[in-house]
Amino acid sequence: MALSFRLVAGVLLVLALALLSSSAEERSAGRAATVSAMGSDHDQTSEAPVPPLRPLGSRKPVAAPPPPRPAHPRASIRPFPPPRPSQPQPQPPPPPPRS
């Protein structure tokens, strides 16, 4: 019983702290919003005008980079070595003797 009471008390404490911090954030954000809404002449002159956006179709296409090159210039053309036989090949029979 005491464990569940402590658990409920801890949860309520965390919720109360979260509520207090969120209300403090809202108040500070509200003050900042009213100050920025009123503005001043100094703030407006320090900002540069935003250039208009170009339409997406007018951008130049960019080519993909070339694929990586092998370390040796002819590495990809070199033939594969012949496969090694698993068993030694029998010798061909000797040619018949000439008479």
PDB file of N, CA and C in Angstrom:
ATOM      1  N   MET A   1       0.827  -1.190   0.000  1.00  0.00           N
ATOM      2  CA  MET A   1       0.000   0.000   0.000  1.00  0.00           C
ATOM      3  C   MET A   1       0.870   1.252   0.000  1.00  0.00           C
ATOM      4  N   ALA A   2       1.931   1.236   0.816  1.00  0.00           N
ATOM      5  CA  ALA A   2       2.812   2.402   0.898  1.00  0.00           C
ATOM      6  C   ALA A   2       3.565   2.597  -0.418  1.00  0.00           C
ATOM      7  N   LEU A   3       3.893   1.487  -1.092  1.00  0.00           N
ATOM      8  CA  LEU A   3       4.607   1.594  -2.358  1.00  0.00           C
ATOM      9  C   LEU A   3       3.729   2.240  -3.422  1.00  0.00           C
ATOM     10  N   SER A   4       2.467   1.845  -3.510  1.00  0.00           N
ATOM     11  CA  SER A   4       1.581   2.442  -4.509  1.00  0.00           C
ATOM     12  C   SER A   4       1.317   3.913  -4.186  1.00  0.00           C
ATOM     13  N   PHE A   5       1.226   4.273  -2.895  1.00  0.00           N
ATOM     14  CA  PHE A   5       1.025   5.669  -2.520  1.00  0.00           C
ATOM     15  C   PHE A   5       2.229   6.507  -2.946  1.00  0.00           C
ATOM     16  N   ARG A   6       3.444   5.968  -2.741  1.00  0.00           N
ATOM     17  CA  ARG A   6       4.644   6.699  -3.159  1.00  0.00           C
ATOM     18  C   ARG A   6       4.695   6.840  -4.675  1.00  0.00           C
ATOM     19  N   LEU A   7       4.289   5.799  -5.372  1.00  0.00           N
ATOM     20  CA  LEU A   7       4.292   5.841  -6.828  1.00  0.00           C
ATOM     21  C   LEU A   7       3.326   6.899  -7.339  1.00  0.00           C
ATOM     22  N   VAL A   8       2.119   6.932  -6.778  1.00  0.00           N
ATOM     23  CA  VAL A   8       1.121   7.923  -7.193  1.00  0.00           C
ATOM     24  C   VAL A   8       1.611   9.324  -6.849  1.00  0.00           C
ATOM     25  N   ALA A   9       2.225   9.494  -5.679  1.00  0.00           N
ATOM     26  CA  ALA A   9       2.726  10.808  -5.280  1.00  0.00           C
ATOM     27  C   ALA A   9       3.841  11.262  -6.222  1.00  0.00           C
ATOM     28  N   GLY A  10       4.716  10.345  -6.630  1.00  0.00           N
ATOM     29  CA  GLY A  10       5.793  10.693  -7.563  1.00  0.00           C
ATOM     30  C   GLY A  10       5.261  11.096  -8.920  1.00  0.00           C
ATOM     31  N   VAL A  11       4.266  10.361  -9.398  1.00  0.00           N
ATOM     32  CA  VAL A  11       3.671  10.681 -10.699  1.00  0.00           C
ATOM     33  C   VAL A  11       3.001  12.047 -10.643  1.00  0.00           C
ATOM     34  N   LEU A  12       2.278  12.319  -9.558  1.00  0.00           N
ATOM     35  CA  LEU A  12       1.623  13.626  -9.429  1.00  0.00           C
ATOM     36  C   LEU A  12       2.650  14.750  -9.353  1.00  0.00           C
ATOM     37  N   LEU A  13       3.758  14.521  -8.687  1.00  0.00           N
ATOM     38  CA  LEU A  13       4.798  15.536  -8.591  1.00  0.00           C
ATOM     39  C   LEU A  13       5.404  15.829  -9.963  1.00  0.00           C
ATOM     40  N   VAL A  14       5.660  14.782 -10.734  1.00  0.00           N
ATOM     41  CA  VAL A  14       6.223  14.966 -12.077  1.00  0.00           C
ATOM     42  C   VAL A  14       5.238  15.716 -12.965  1.00  0.00           C
ATOM     43  N   LEU A  15       3.964  15.367 -12.893  1.00  0.00           N
ATOM     44  CA  LEU A  15       2.962  16.063 -13.702  1.00  0.00           C
ATOM     45  C   LEU A  15       2.853  17.528 -13.302  1.00  0.00           C
ATOM     46  N   ALA A  16       2.920  17.813 -12.007  1.00  0.00           N
ATOM     47  CA  ALA A  16       2.836  19.203 -11.558  1.00  0.00           C
ATOM     48  C   ALA A  16       4.034  20.002 -12.057  1.00  0.00           C
ATOM     49  N   LEU A  17       5.224  19.411 -12.005  1.00  0.00           N
ATOM     50  CA  LEU A  17       6.409  20.111 -12.504  1.00  0.00           C
ATOM     51  C   LEU A  17       6.320  20.344 -14.010  1.00  0.00           C
ATOM     52  N   ALA A  18       5.815  19.369 -14.749  1.00  0.00           N
ATOM     53  CA  ALA A  18       5.671  19.528 -16.195  1.00  0.00           C
ATOM     54  C   ALA A  18       4.674  20.630 -16.517  1.00  0.00           C
ATOM     55  N   LEU A  19       3.587  20.702 -15.752  1.00  0.00           N
ATOM     56  CA  LEU A  19       2.583  21.740 -15.979  1.00  0.00           C
ATOM     57  C   LEU A  19       3.159  23.115 -15.681  1.00  0.00           C
ATOM     58  N   LEU A  20       3.918  23.228 -14.605  1.00  0.00           N
ATOM     59  CA  LEU A  20       4.518  24.517 -14.262  1.00  0.00           C
ATOM     60  C   LEU A  20       5.524  24.962 -15.315  1.00  0.00           C
ATOM     61  N   SER A  21       6.354  24.040 -15.797  1.00  0.00           N
ATOM     62  CA  SER A  21       7.360  24.431 -16.785  1.00  0.00           C
ATOM     63  C   SER A  21       6.716  24.789 -18.120  1.00  0.00           C
ATOM     64  N   SER A  22       5.651  24.084 -18.503  1.00  0.00           N
ATOM     65  CA  SER A  22       5.005  24.415 -19.775  1.00  0.00           C
ATOM     66  C   SER A  22       4.292  25.757 -19.692  1.00  0.00           C
ATOM     67  N   SER A  23       3.686  26.071 -18.530  1.00  0.00           N
ATOM     68  CA  SER A  23       3.024  27.373 -18.414  1.00  0.00           C
ATOM     69  C   SER A  23       4.059  28.491 -18.392  1.00  0.00           C
ATOM     70  N   ALA A  24       5.241  28.238 -17.800  1.00  0.00           N
ATOM     71  CA  ALA A  24       6.297  29.248 -17.816  1.00  0.00           C
ATOM     72  C   ALA A  24       6.803  29.470 -19.237  1.00  0.00           C
ATOM     73  N   GLU A  25       6.913  28.400 -20.029  1.00  0.00           N
ATOM     74  CA  GLU A  25       7.338  28.540 -21.421  1.00  0.00           C
ATOM     75  C   GLU A  25       6.318  29.337 -22.221  1.00  0.00           C
ATOM     76  N   GLU A  26       5.036  29.072 -21.993  1.00  0.00           N
ATOM     77  CA  GLU A  26       3.999  29.798 -22.722  1.00  0.00           C
ATOM     78  C   GLU A  26       4.039  31.282 -22.390  1.00  0.00           C
ATOM     79  N   ARG A  27       4.251  31.599 -21.114  1.00  0.00           N
ATOM     80  CA  ARG A  27       4.306  33.011 -20.730  1.00  0.00           C
ATOM     81  C   ARG A  27       5.509  33.689 -21.360  1.00  0.00           C
ATOM     82  N   SER A  28       6.679  33.033 -21.346  1.00  0.00           N
ATOM     83  CA  SER A  28       7.864  33.670 -21.929  1.00  0.00           C
ATOM     84  C   SER A  28       7.721  33.768 -23.446  1.00  0.00           C
ATOM     85  N   ALA A  29       7.122  32.779 -24.071  1.00  0.00           N
ATOM     86  CA  ALA A  29       6.902  32.837 -25.516  1.00  0.00           C
ATOM     87  C   ALA A  29       5.878  33.905 -25.844  1.00  0.00           C
ATOM     88  N   GLY A  30       4.895  34.087 -24.992  1.00  0.00           N
ATOM     89  CA  GLY A  30       3.887  35.127 -25.221  1.00  0.00           C
ATOM     90  C   GLY A  30       4.498  36.504 -25.148  1.00  0.00           C
ATOM     91  N   ARG A  31       5.409  36.728 -24.190  1.00  0.00           N
ATOM     92  CA  ARG A  31       6.075  38.022 -24.090  1.00  0.00           C
ATOM     93  C   ARG A  31       6.952  38.255 -25.310  1.00  0.00           C
ATOM     94  N   ALA A  32       7.671  37.225 -25.745  1.00  0.00           N
ATOM     95  CA  ALA A  32       8.542  37.378 -26.906  1.00  0.00           C
ATOM     96  C   ALA A  32       7.724  37.654 -28.154  1.00  0.00           C
ATOM     97  N   ALA A  33       6.553  37.045 -28.253  1.00  0.00           N
ATOM     98  CA  ALA A  33       5.711  37.262 -29.428  1.00  0.00           C
ATOM     99  C   ALA A  33       5.192  38.689 -29.454  1.00  0.00           C
ATOM    100  N   THR A  34       4.809  39.234 -28.292  1.00  0.00           N
ATOM    101  CA  THR A  34       4.301  40.608 -28.294  1.00  0.00           C
ATOM    102  C   THR A  34       5.424  41.588 -28.580  1.00  0.00           C
ATOM    103  N   VAL A  35       6.636  41.318 -28.089  1.00  0.00           N
ATOM    104  CA  VAL A  35       7.754  42.220 -28.359  1.00  0.00           C
ATOM    105  C   VAL A  35       8.111  42.173 -29.835  1.00  0.00           C
ATOM    106  N   SER A  36       8.132  40.971 -30.431  1.00  0.00           N
ATOM    107  CA  SER A  36       8.489  40.878 -31.839  1.00  0.00           C
ATOM    108  C   SER A  36       7.375  41.412 -32.723  1.00  0.00           C
ATOM    109  N   ALA A  37       6.125  41.333 -32.266  1.00  0.00           N
ATOM    110  CA  ALA A  37       5.026  41.880 -33.060  1.00  0.00           C
ATOM    111  C   ALA A  37       5.097  43.396 -33.088  1.00  0.00           C
ATOM    112  N   MET A  38       5.470  44.008 -31.941  1.00  0.00           N
ATOM    113  CA  MET A  38       5.593  45.458 -31.910  1.00  0.00           C
ATOM    114  C   MET A  38       6.786  45.878 -32.749  1.00  0.00           C
ATOM    115  N   GLY A  39       7.906  45.172 -32.605  1.00  0.00           N
ATOM    116  CA  GLY A  39       9.083  45.426 -33.411  1.00  0.00           C
ATOM    117  C   GLY A  39       9.684  46.790 -33.146  1.00  0.00           C
ATOM    118  N   SER A  40      10.814  47.043 -33.796  1.00  0.00           N
ATOM    119  CA  SER A  40      11.448  48.356 -33.720  1.00  0.00           C
ATOM    120  C   SER A  40      12.085  48.643 -35.064  1.00  0.00           C
ATOM    121  N   ASP A  41      12.416  49.906 -35.285  1.00  0.00           N
ATOM    122  CA  ASP A  41      13.006  50.288 -36.566  1.00  0.00           C
ATOM    123  C   ASP A  41      14.375  49.648 -36.761  1.00  0.00           C
ATOM    124  N   HIS A  42      15.103  49.478 -35.669  1.00  0.00           N
ATOM    125  CA  HIS A  42      16.441  48.903 -35.766  1.00  0.00           C
ATOM    126  C   HIS A  42      16.388  47.448 -36.230  1.00  0.00           C
ATOM    127  N   ASP A  43      15.406  46.689 -35.732  1.00  0.00           N
ATOM    128  CA  ASP A  43      15.298  45.285 -36.109  1.00  0.00           C
ATOM    129  C   ASP A  43      14.964  45.129 -37.585  1.00  0.00           C
ATOM    130  N   GLN A  44      14.114  45.984 -38.104  1.00  0.00           N
ATOM    131  CA  GLN A  44      13.684  45.831 -39.490  1.00  0.00           C
ATOM    132  C   GLN A  44      14.788  46.204 -40.467  1.00  0.00           C
ATOM    133  N   THR A  45      15.636  47.160 -40.125  1.00  0.00           N
ATOM    134  CA  THR A  45      16.685  47.562 -41.062  1.00  0.00           C
ATOM    135  C   THR A  45      17.854  46.588 -41.054  1.00  0.00           C
ATOM    136  N   SER A  46      18.034  45.806 -39.977  1.00  0.00           N
ATOM    137  CA  SER A  46      19.176  44.901 -39.916  1.00  0.00           C
ATOM    138  C   SER A  46      18.945  43.625 -40.718  1.00  0.00           C
ATOM    139  N   GLU A  47      17.710  43.331 -41.075  1.00  0.00           N
ATOM    140  CA  GLU A  47      17.418  42.115 -41.830  1.00  0.00           C
ATOM    141  C   GLU A  47      17.480  42.397 -43.322  1.00  0.00           C
ATOM    142  N   ALA A  48      18.124  41.501 -44.050  1.00  0.00           N
ATOM    143  CA  ALA A  48      18.200  41.642 -45.498  1.00  0.00           C
ATOM    144  C   ALA A  48      16.909  41.132 -46.114  1.00  0.00           C
ATOM    145  N   PRO A  49      16.486  41.702 -47.233  1.00  0.00           N
ATOM    146  CA  PRO A  49      15.268  41.195 -47.882  1.00  0.00           C
ATOM    147  C   PRO A  49      15.506  39.786 -48.426  1.00  0.00           C
ATOM    148  N   VAL A  50      14.470  38.991 -48.397  1.00  0.00           N
ATOM    149  CA  VAL A  50      14.557  37.603 -48.862  1.00  0.00           C
ATOM    150  C   VAL A  50      14.378  37.590 -50.375  1.00  0.00           C
ATOM    151  N   PRO A  51      15.322  36.982 -51.119  1.00  0.00           N
ATOM    152  CA  PRO A  51      15.158  36.939 -52.575  1.00  0.00           C
ATOM    153  C   PRO A  51      14.018  36.001 -52.952  1.00  0.00           C
ATOM    154  N   PRO A  52      13.313  36.295 -54.042  1.00  0.00           N
ATOM    155  CA  PRO A  52      12.213  35.406 -54.458  1.00  0.00           C
ATOM    156  C   PRO A  52      12.769  34.063 -54.917  1.00  0.00           C
ATOM    157  N   LEU A  53      11.980  33.026 -54.707  1.00  0.00           N
ATOM    158  CA  LEU A  53      12.405  31.680 -55.083  1.00  0.00           C
ATOM    159  C   LEU A  53      12.256  31.479 -56.583  1.00  0.00           C
ATOM    160  N   ARG A  54      13.189  30.713 -57.151  1.00  0.00           N
ATOM    161  CA  ARG A  54      13.083  30.388 -58.573  1.00  0.00           C
ATOM    162  C   ARG A  54      12.165  29.182 -58.740  1.00  0.00           C
ATOM    163  N   PRO A  55      11.458  29.088 -59.834  1.00  0.00           N
ATOM    164  CA  PRO A  55      10.654  27.880 -60.060  1.00  0.00           C
ATOM    165  C   PRO A  55      11.571  26.664 -60.213  1.00  0.00           C
ATOM    166  N   LEU A  56      11.050  25.515 -59.842  1.00  0.00           N
ATOM    167  CA  LEU A  56      11.865  24.305 -59.859  1.00  0.00           C
ATOM    168  C   LEU A  56      12.313  23.917 -61.263  1.00  0.00           C
ATOM    169  N   GLY A  57      11.517  24.206 -62.273  1.00  0.00           N
ATOM    170  CA  GLY A  57      11.861  23.803 -63.627  1.00  0.00           C
ATOM    171  C   GLY A  57      13.024  24.570 -64.214  1.00  0.00           C
ATOM    172  N   SER A  58      13.377  25.724 -63.667  1.00  0.00           N
ATOM    173  CA  SER A  58      14.428  26.533 -64.272  1.00  0.00           C
ATOM    174  C   SER A  58      15.816  26.159 -63.775  1.00  0.00           C
ATOM    175  N   ARG A  59      15.910  25.197 -62.873  1.00  0.00           N
ATOM    176  CA  ARG A  59      17.231  24.806 -62.392  1.00  0.00           C
ATOM    177  C   ARG A  59      17.944  23.967 -63.439  1.00  0.00           C
ATOM    178  N   LYS A  60      19.262  24.107 -63.503  1.00  0.00           N
ATOM    179  CA  LYS A  60      20.037  23.348 -64.478  1.00  0.00           C
ATOM    180  C   LYS A  60      20.248  21.928 -63.957  1.00  0.00           C
ATOM    181  N   PRO A  61      20.118  20.917 -64.814  1.00  0.00           N
ATOM    182  CA  PRO A  61      20.374  19.551 -64.350  1.00  0.00           C
ATOM    183  C   PRO A  61      21.864  19.358 -64.073  1.00  0.00           C
ATOM    184  N   VAL A  62      22.157  18.537 -63.110  1.00  0.00           N
ATOM    185  CA  VAL A  62      23.541  18.265 -62.732  1.00  0.00           C
ATOM    186  C   VAL A  62      23.841  16.814 -63.073  1.00  0.00           C
ATOM    187  N   ALA A  63      24.950  16.587 -63.772  1.00  0.00           N
ATOM    188  CA  ALA A  63      25.324  15.225 -64.157  1.00  0.00           C
ATOM    189  C   ALA A  63      25.868  14.476 -62.949  1.00  0.00           C
ATOM    190  N   ALA A  64      25.664  13.182 -62.953  1.00  0.00           N
ATOM    191  CA  ALA A  64      26.173  12.339 -61.871  1.00  0.00           C
ATOM    192  C   ALA A  64      27.687  12.207 -62.011  1.00  0.00           C
ATOM    193  N   PRO A  65      28.406  12.022 -60.923  1.00  0.00           N
ATOM    194  CA  PRO A  65      29.857  11.852 -61.031  1.00  0.00           C
ATOM    195  C   PRO A  65      30.187  10.535 -61.723  1.00  0.00           C
ATOM    196  N   PRO A  66      31.347  10.452 -62.381  1.00  0.00           N
ATOM    197  CA  PRO A  66      31.698   9.205 -63.062  1.00  0.00           C
ATOM    198  C   PRO A  66      31.948   8.092 -62.051  1.00  0.00           C
ATOM    199  N   PRO A  67      31.815   6.838 -62.483  1.00  0.00           N
ATOM    200  CA  PRO A  67      32.059   5.727 -61.555  1.00  0.00           C
ATOM    201  C   PRO A  67      33.532   5.684 -61.163  1.00  0.00           C
ATOM    202  N   PRO A  68      33.849   5.077 -60.033  1.00  0.00           N
ATOM    203  CA  PRO A  68      35.254   5.023 -59.609  1.00  0.00           C
ATOM    204  C   PRO A  68      36.089   4.194 -60.574  1.00  0.00           C
ATOM    205  N   ARG A  69      37.324   4.612 -60.773  1.00  0.00           N
ATOM    206  CA  ARG A  69      38.212   3.906 -61.693  1.00  0.00           C
ATOM    207  C   ARG A  69      38.980   2.828 -60.948  1.00  0.00           C
ATOM    208  N   PRO A  70      39.329   1.723 -61.616  1.00  0.00           N
ATOM    209  CA  PRO A  70      40.127   0.683 -60.948  1.00  0.00           C
ATOM    210  C   PRO A  70      41.546   1.192 -60.680  1.00  0.00           C
ATOM    211  N   ALA A  71      42.248   0.515 -59.771  1.00  0.00           N
ATOM    212  CA  ALA A  71      43.604   0.924 -59.410  1.00  0.00           C
ATOM    213  C   ALA A  71      44.552   0.781 -60.601  1.00  0.00           C
ATOM    214  N   HIS A  72      44.423  -0.299 -61.363  1.00  0.00           N
ATOM    215  CA  HIS A  72      45.251  -0.520 -62.546  1.00  0.00           C
ATOM    216  C   HIS A  72      44.417  -0.164 -63.768  1.00  0.00           C
ATOM    217  N   PRO A  73      45.025   0.455 -64.773  1.00  0.00           N
ATOM    218  CA  PRO A  73      44.219   0.878 -65.923  1.00  0.00           C
ATOM    219  C   PRO A  73      43.562  -0.274 -66.669  1.00  0.00           C
ATOM    220  N   ARG A  74      44.206  -1.434 -66.723  1.00  0.00           N
ATOM    221  CA  ARG A  74      43.621  -2.549 -67.465  1.00  0.00           C
ATOM    222  C   ARG A  74      43.194  -3.672 -66.530  1.00  0.00           C
ATOM    223  N   ALA A  75      42.894  -3.355 -65.300  1.00  0.00           N
ATOM    224  CA  ALA A  75      42.549  -4.395 -64.328  1.00  0.00           C
ATOM    225  C   ALA A  75      41.268  -5.114 -64.710  1.00  0.00           C
ATOM    226  N   SER A  76      40.307  -4.405 -65.270  1.00  0.00           N
ATOM    227  CA  SER A  76      39.040  -5.055 -65.579  1.00  0.00           C
ATOM    228  C   SER A  76      39.114  -5.876 -66.860  1.00  0.00           C
ATOM    229  N   ILE A  77      40.165  -5.706 -67.682  1.00  0.00           N
ATOM    230  CA  ILE A  77      40.272  -6.430 -68.948  1.00  0.00           C
ATOM    231  C   ILE A  77      41.107  -7.699 -68.786  1.00  0.00           C
ATOM    232  N   ARG A  78      41.851  -7.810 -67.692  1.00  0.00           N
ATOM    233  CA  ARG A  78      42.725  -8.959 -67.499  1.00  0.00           C
ATOM    234  C   ARG A  78      41.900 -10.250 -67.481  1.00  0.00           C
ATOM    235  N   PRO A  79      42.317 -11.311 -68.259  1.00  0.00           N
ATOM    236  CA  PRO A  79      41.524 -12.553 -68.282  1.00  0.00           C
ATOM    237  C   PRO A  79      41.691 -13.330 -66.978  1.00  0.00           C
ATOM    238  N   PHE A  80      40.726 -14.161 -66.726  1.00  0.00           N
ATOM    239  CA  PHE A  80      40.793 -15.029 -65.550  1.00  0.00           C
ATOM    240  C   PHE A  80      41.811 -16.132 -65.810  1.00  0.00           C
ATOM    241  N   PRO A  81      42.510 -16.606 -64.787  1.00  0.00           N
ATOM    242  CA  PRO A  81      43.439 -17.732 -65.004  1.00  0.00           C
ATOM    243  C   PRO A  81      42.635 -18.998 -65.289  1.00  0.00           C
ATOM    244  N   PRO A  82      43.211 -19.938 -66.054  1.00  0.00           N
ATOM    245  CA  PRO A  82      42.465 -21.173 -66.345  1.00  0.00           C
ATOM    246  C   PRO A  82      42.240 -21.959 -65.056  1.00  0.00           C
ATOM    247  N   PRO A  83      41.154 -22.674 -64.980  1.00  0.00           N
ATOM    248  CA  PRO A  83      40.875 -23.434 -63.751  1.00  0.00           C
ATOM    249  C   PRO A  83      41.881 -24.561 -63.577  1.00  0.00           C
ATOM    250  N   ARG A  84      42.240 -24.805 -62.346  1.00  0.00           N
ATOM    251  CA  ARG A  84      43.164 -25.904 -62.057  1.00  0.00           C
ATOM    252  C   ARG A  84      42.390 -27.221 -62.058  1.00  0.00           C
ATOM    253  N   PRO A  85      42.951 -28.242 -62.664  1.00  0.00           N
ATOM    254  CA  PRO A  85      42.243 -29.536 -62.658  1.00  0.00           C
ATOM    255  C   PRO A  85      42.288 -30.139 -61.256  1.00  0.00           C
ATOM    256  N   SER A  86      41.197 -30.783 -60.879  1.00  0.00           N
ATOM    257  CA  SER A  86      41.150 -31.400 -59.556  1.00  0.00           C
ATOM    258  C   SER A  86      41.981 -32.687 -59.526  1.00  0.00           C
ATOM    259  N   GLN A  87      42.066 -33.403 -60.661  1.00  0.00           N
ATOM    260  CA  GLN A  87      42.891 -34.619 -60.754  1.00  0.00           C
ATOM    261  C   GLN A  87      43.875 -34.424 -61.901  1.00  0.00           C
ATOM    262  N   PRO A  88      45.051 -35.008 -61.786  1.00  0.00           N
ATOM    263  CA  PRO A  88      45.997 -34.858 -62.911  1.00  0.00           C
ATOM    264  C   PRO A  88      45.444 -35.537 -64.161  1.00  0.00           C
ATOM    265  N   GLN A  89      45.637 -34.897 -65.270  1.00  0.00           N
ATOM    266  CA  GLN A  89      45.145 -35.446 -66.540  1.00  0.00           C
ATOM    267  C   GLN A  89      46.052 -36.613 -66.961  1.00  0.00           C
ATOM    268  N   PRO A  90      45.459 -37.710 -67.475  1.00  0.00           N
ATOM    269  CA  PRO A  90      46.304 -38.830 -67.936  1.00  0.00           C
ATOM    270  C   PRO A  90      47.075 -38.418 -69.189  1.00  0.00           C
ATOM    271  N   GLN A  91      48.259 -38.968 -69.310  1.00  0.00           N
ATOM    272  CA  GLN A  91      49.081 -38.663 -70.479  1.00  0.00           C
ATOM    273  C   GLN A  91      48.456 -39.310 -71.714  1.00  0.00           C
ATOM    274  N   PRO A  92      48.506 -38.623 -72.839  1.00  0.00           N
ATOM    275  CA  PRO A  92      47.966 -39.266 -74.053  1.00  0.00           C
ATOM    276  C   PRO A  92      48.846 -40.471 -74.435  1.00  0.00           C
ATOM    277  N   PRO A  93      48.256 -41.470 -75.056  1.00  0.00           N
ATOM    278  CA  PRO A  93      49.059 -42.661 -75.435  1.00  0.00           C
ATOM    279  C   PRO A  93      50.142 -42.262 -76.444  1.00  0.00           C
ATOM    280  N   PRO A  94      51.260 -42.929 -76.383  1.00  0.00           N
ATOM    281  CA  PRO A  94      52.337 -42.588 -77.342  1.00  0.00           C
ATOM    282  C   PRO A  94      51.905 -42.948 -78.768  1.00  0.00           C
ATOM    283  N   PRO A  95      52.417 -42.245 -79.727  1.00  0.00           N
ATOM    284  CA  PRO A  95      52.034 -42.577 -81.117  1.00  0.00           C
ATOM    285  C   PRO A  95      52.559 -43.973 -81.503  1.00  0.00           C
ATOM    286  N   PRO A  96      51.870 -44.631 -82.385  1.00  0.00           N
ATOM    287  CA  PRO A  96      52.344 -45.973 -82.785  1.00  0.00           C
ATOM    288  C   PRO A  96      53.704 -45.873 -83.501  1.00  0.00           C
ATOM    289  N   PRO A  97      54.536 -46.878 -83.317  1.00  0.00           N
ATOM    290  CA  PRO A  97      55.858 -46.824 -83.977  1.00  0.00           C
ATOM    291  C   PRO A  97      55.713 -46.927 -85.499  1.00  0.00           C
ATOM    292  N   ARG A  98      56.601 -46.250 -86.191  1.00  0.00           N
ATOM    293  CA  ARG A  98      56.564 -46.291 -87.652  1.00  0.00           C
ATOM    294  C   ARG A  98      57.302 -47.542 -88.148  1.00  0.00           C
ATOM    295  N   SER A  99      56.767 -48.096 -89.149  1.00  0.00           N
ATOM    296  CA  SER A  99      57.469 -49.249 -89.683  1.00  0.00           C
ATOM    297  C   SER A  99      58.156 -48.945 -90.979  1.00  0.00           C
TER     298      SER A  99
END
